[in-house]
Amino acid sequence: MSERLTPTDWLDFGLTMLAEHGHGALKADVLATAKGVSRGSFYWHFKNLKDFHVRLLAHWRESTTRQVIVDIDALEDGQLAALMRRAFMNPPALERAIRAWSVGDEEASRVVA
């Protein structure tokens, strides 16, 4: 039996798919097929596709901005270089894909802003 996917597994995978294929790949059937599981696994964690999109945007924002702020607060002397590397660790393709998505999607635009 395969390991059960968590919401975070889906969200991390969603960011990967977004970076590699754009926001058009953020559909339950596309994601499930690429992950090799049923759509039921997706809908176990997300009410609908809009719920997934909202949570994916929040996940992106948390991983790219809020967590950096938390890390700054926890810094000891000499750790700024490590924090800067972490702040810019997202692949450029993901940043481009998020911003492209925000052009035609109100929620994505709000989160990016």
C-alpha atoms as a PDB file:
ATOM      1  CA  MET A   1       0.000   0.000   0.000  1.00  0.00           C
ATOM      2  CA  SER A   2       1.331   3.430  -0.850  1.00  0.00           C
ATOM      3  CA  GLU A   3       1.803   6.163   1.691  1.00  0.00           C
ATOM      4  CA  ARG A   4      -1.139   8.524   2.148  1.00  0.00           C
ATOM      5  CA  LEU A   5      -0.542  11.994   0.740  1.00  0.00           C
ATOM      6  CA  THR A   6      -0.917  14.973   3.057  1.00  0.00           C
ATOM      7  CA  PRO A   7      -2.210  18.414   2.106  1.00  0.00           C
ATOM      8  CA  THR A   8       1.388  19.655   2.238  1.00  0.00           C
ATOM      9  CA  ASP A   9       2.441  16.907  -0.196  1.00  0.00           C
ATOM     10  CA  TRP A  10      -0.214  18.147  -2.635  1.00  0.00           C
ATOM     11  CA  LEU A  11       0.723  21.793  -2.120  1.00  0.00           C
ATOM     12  CA  ASP A  12       4.442  21.163  -2.613  1.00  0.00           C
ATOM     13  CA  PHE A  13       3.655  19.119  -5.716  1.00  0.00           C
ATOM     14  CA  GLY A  14       1.344  21.882  -6.929  1.00  0.00           C
ATOM     15  CA  LEU A  15       4.179  24.404  -6.700  1.00  0.00           C
ATOM     16  CA  THR A  16       6.446  22.048  -8.636  1.00  0.00           C
ATOM     17  CA  MET A  17       3.816  21.556 -11.349  1.00  0.00           C
ATOM     18  CA  LEU A  18       3.176  25.295 -11.471  1.00  0.00           C
ATOM     19  CA  ALA A  19       6.865  26.016 -11.948  1.00  0.00           C
ATOM     20  CA  GLU A  20       7.268  23.343 -14.628  1.00  0.00           C
ATOM     21  CA  HIS A  21       3.965  23.630 -16.526  1.00  0.00           C
ATOM     22  CA  GLY A  22       2.230  26.889 -15.536  1.00  0.00           C
ATOM     23  CA  HIS A  23      -1.091  27.441 -13.819  1.00  0.00           C
ATOM     24  CA  GLY A  24      -2.972  25.428 -16.440  1.00  0.00           C
ATOM     25  CA  ALA A  25      -1.551  22.299 -14.771  1.00  0.00           C
ATOM     26  CA  LEU A  26      -3.256  23.138 -11.473  1.00  0.00           C
ATOM     27  CA  LYS A  27      -6.246  20.862 -12.095  1.00  0.00           C
ATOM     28  CA  ALA A  28      -7.149  17.853  -9.960  1.00  0.00           C
ATOM     29  CA  ASP A  29      -7.025  15.349 -12.822  1.00  0.00           C
ATOM     30  CA  VAL A  30      -3.712  16.669 -14.162  1.00  0.00           C
ATOM     31  CA  LEU A  31      -2.116  16.681 -10.708  1.00  0.00           C
ATOM     32  CA  ALA A  32      -3.455  13.252  -9.746  1.00  0.00           C
ATOM     33  CA  THR A  33      -2.332  11.689 -13.024  1.00  0.00           C
ATOM     34  CA  ALA A  34       1.142  13.203 -12.686  1.00  0.00           C
ATOM     35  CA  LYS A  35       1.306  11.991  -9.081  1.00  0.00           C
ATOM     36  CA  GLY A  36       0.032   8.515 -10.034  1.00  0.00           C
ATOM     37  CA  VAL A  37      -2.972   8.579  -7.695  1.00  0.00           C
ATOM     38  CA  SER A  38      -6.728   9.010  -7.979  1.00  0.00           C
ATOM     39  CA  ARG A  39      -8.497  12.360  -7.885  1.00  0.00           C
ATOM     40  CA  GLY A  40     -10.173  11.110  -4.705  1.00  0.00           C
ATOM     41  CA  SER A  41      -6.849  11.546  -2.938  1.00  0.00           C
ATOM     42  CA  PHE A  42      -6.853  15.196  -4.009  1.00  0.00           C
ATOM     43  CA  TYR A  43     -10.450  15.805  -2.952  1.00  0.00           C
ATOM     44  CA  TRP A  44      -9.864  14.145   0.398  1.00  0.00           C
ATOM     45  CA  HIS A  45      -7.861  17.248   1.366  1.00  0.00           C
ATOM     46  CA  PHE A  46      -9.435  20.017  -0.729  1.00  0.00           C
ATOM     47  CA  LYS A  47     -13.138  20.922  -1.037  1.00  0.00           C
ATOM     48  CA  ASN A  48     -12.733  21.895  -4.663  1.00  0.00           C
ATOM     49  CA  LEU A  49     -10.191  23.299  -7.085  1.00  0.00           C
ATOM     50  CA  LYS A  50     -10.686  26.870  -5.831  1.00  0.00           C
ATOM     51  CA  ASP A  51      -9.904  25.721  -2.268  1.00  0.00           C
ATOM     52  CA  PHE A  52      -6.702  24.129  -3.560  1.00  0.00           C
ATOM     53  CA  HIS A  53      -5.719  27.293  -5.436  1.00  0.00           C
ATOM     54  CA  VAL A  54      -6.318  29.512  -2.387  1.00  0.00           C
ATOM     55  CA  ARG A  55      -4.315  27.179  -0.155  1.00  0.00           C
ATOM     56  CA  LEU A  56      -1.567  26.835  -2.781  1.00  0.00           C
ATOM     57  CA  LEU A  57      -1.160  30.609  -2.946  1.00  0.00           C
ATOM     58  CA  ALA A  58      -1.057  30.801   0.853  1.00  0.00           C
ATOM     59  CA  HIS A  59       1.535  28.005   0.896  1.00  0.00           C
ATOM     60  CA  TRP A  60       3.672  29.881  -1.637  1.00  0.00           C
ATOM     61  CA  ARG A  61       3.380  33.116   0.340  1.00  0.00           C
ATOM     62  CA  GLU A  62       4.267  31.359   3.602  1.00  0.00           C
ATOM     63  CA  SER A  63       7.298  29.653   2.113  1.00  0.00           C
ATOM     64  CA  THR A  64       8.613  32.736   0.326  1.00  0.00           C
ATOM     65  CA  THR A  65       7.855  35.610   2.688  1.00  0.00           C
ATOM     66  CA  ARG A  66       6.483  34.895   6.129  1.00  0.00           C
ATOM     67  CA  GLN A  67       8.942  32.133   6.953  1.00  0.00           C
ATOM     68  CA  VAL A  68      11.815  34.444   5.995  1.00  0.00           C
ATOM     69  CA  ILE A  69      10.543  36.997   8.530  1.00  0.00           C
ATOM     70  CA  VAL A  70      10.354  34.320  11.225  1.00  0.00           C
ATOM     71  CA  ASP A  71      13.893  33.248  10.362  1.00  0.00           C
ATOM     72  CA  ILE A  72      15.165  36.836  10.628  1.00  0.00           C
ATOM     73  CA  ASP A  73      13.711  37.096  14.119  1.00  0.00           C
ATOM     74  CA  ALA A  74      15.559  33.920  15.120  1.00  0.00           C
ATOM     75  CA  LEU A  75      18.935  34.933  13.703  1.00  0.00           C
ATOM     76  CA  GLU A  76      22.079  34.798  15.706  1.00  0.00           C
ATOM     77  CA  ASP A  77      25.123  36.824  14.727  1.00  0.00           C
ATOM     78  CA  GLY A  78      26.702  35.755  11.424  1.00  0.00           C
ATOM     79  CA  GLN A  79      23.679  33.977   9.963  1.00  0.00           C
ATOM     80  CA  LEU A  80      22.516  36.661   7.549  1.00  0.00           C
ATOM     81  CA  ALA A  81      24.222  35.036   4.549  1.00  0.00           C
ATOM     82  CA  ALA A  82      22.371  31.756   5.192  1.00  0.00           C
ATOM     83  CA  LEU A  83      19.090  33.620   5.471  1.00  0.00           C
ATOM     84  CA  MET A  84      19.696  35.432   2.187  1.00  0.00           C
ATOM     85  CA  ARG A  85      20.354  32.105   0.432  1.00  0.00           C
ATOM     86  CA  ARG A  86      17.085  30.768   1.862  1.00  0.00           C
ATOM     87  CA  ALA A  87      15.144  33.849   0.807  1.00  0.00           C
ATOM     88  CA  PHE A  88      16.122  33.296  -2.812  1.00  0.00           C
ATOM     89  CA  MET A  89      15.926  29.489  -2.938  1.00  0.00           C
ATOM     90  CA  ASN A  90      12.705  29.253  -4.963  1.00  0.00           C
ATOM     91  CA  PRO A  91      13.396  28.409  -8.565  1.00  0.00           C
ATOM     92  CA  PRO A  92      12.991  31.388 -10.911  1.00  0.00           C
ATOM     93  CA  ALA A  93      10.488  29.331 -12.936  1.00  0.00           C
ATOM     94  CA  LEU A  94       8.142  29.204  -9.927  1.00  0.00           C
ATOM     95  CA  GLU A  95       8.301  32.965  -9.443  1.00  0.00           C
ATOM     96  CA  ARG A  96       7.565  33.540 -13.141  1.00  0.00           C
ATOM     97  CA  ALA A  97       4.678  31.062 -13.062  1.00  0.00           C
ATOM     98  CA  ILE A  98       3.096  32.613  -9.955  1.00  0.00           C
ATOM     99  CA  ARG A  99       3.292  36.084 -11.476  1.00  0.00           C
ATOM    100  CA  ALA A 100       1.906  34.862 -14.822  1.00  0.00           C
ATOM    101  CA  TRP A 101      -0.986  33.211 -12.953  1.00  0.00           C
ATOM    102  CA  SER A 102      -1.668  36.477 -11.124  1.00  0.00           C
ATOM    103  CA  VAL A 103      -2.267  38.322 -14.408  1.00  0.00           C
ATOM    104  CA  GLY A 104      -5.544  36.488 -15.043  1.00  0.00           C
ATOM    105  CA  ASP A 105      -6.627  35.378 -11.578  1.00  0.00           C
ATOM    106  CA  GLU A 106      -7.981  37.774  -8.963  1.00  0.00           C
ATOM    107  CA  GLU A 107      -6.949  35.677  -5.941  1.00  0.00           C
ATOM    108  CA  ALA A 108      -3.445  35.071  -7.276  1.00  0.00           C
ATOM    109  CA  SER A 109      -3.114  38.782  -8.046  1.00  0.00           C
ATOM    110  CA  ARG A 110      -4.177  39.690  -4.498  1.00  0.00           C
ATOM    111  CA  VAL A 111      -1.667  37.302  -2.932  1.00  0.00           C
ATOM    112  CA  VAL A 112       1.208  38.452  -5.136  1.00  0.00           C
ATOM    113  CA  ALA A 113       0.410  42.091  -4.389  1.00  0.00           C
END
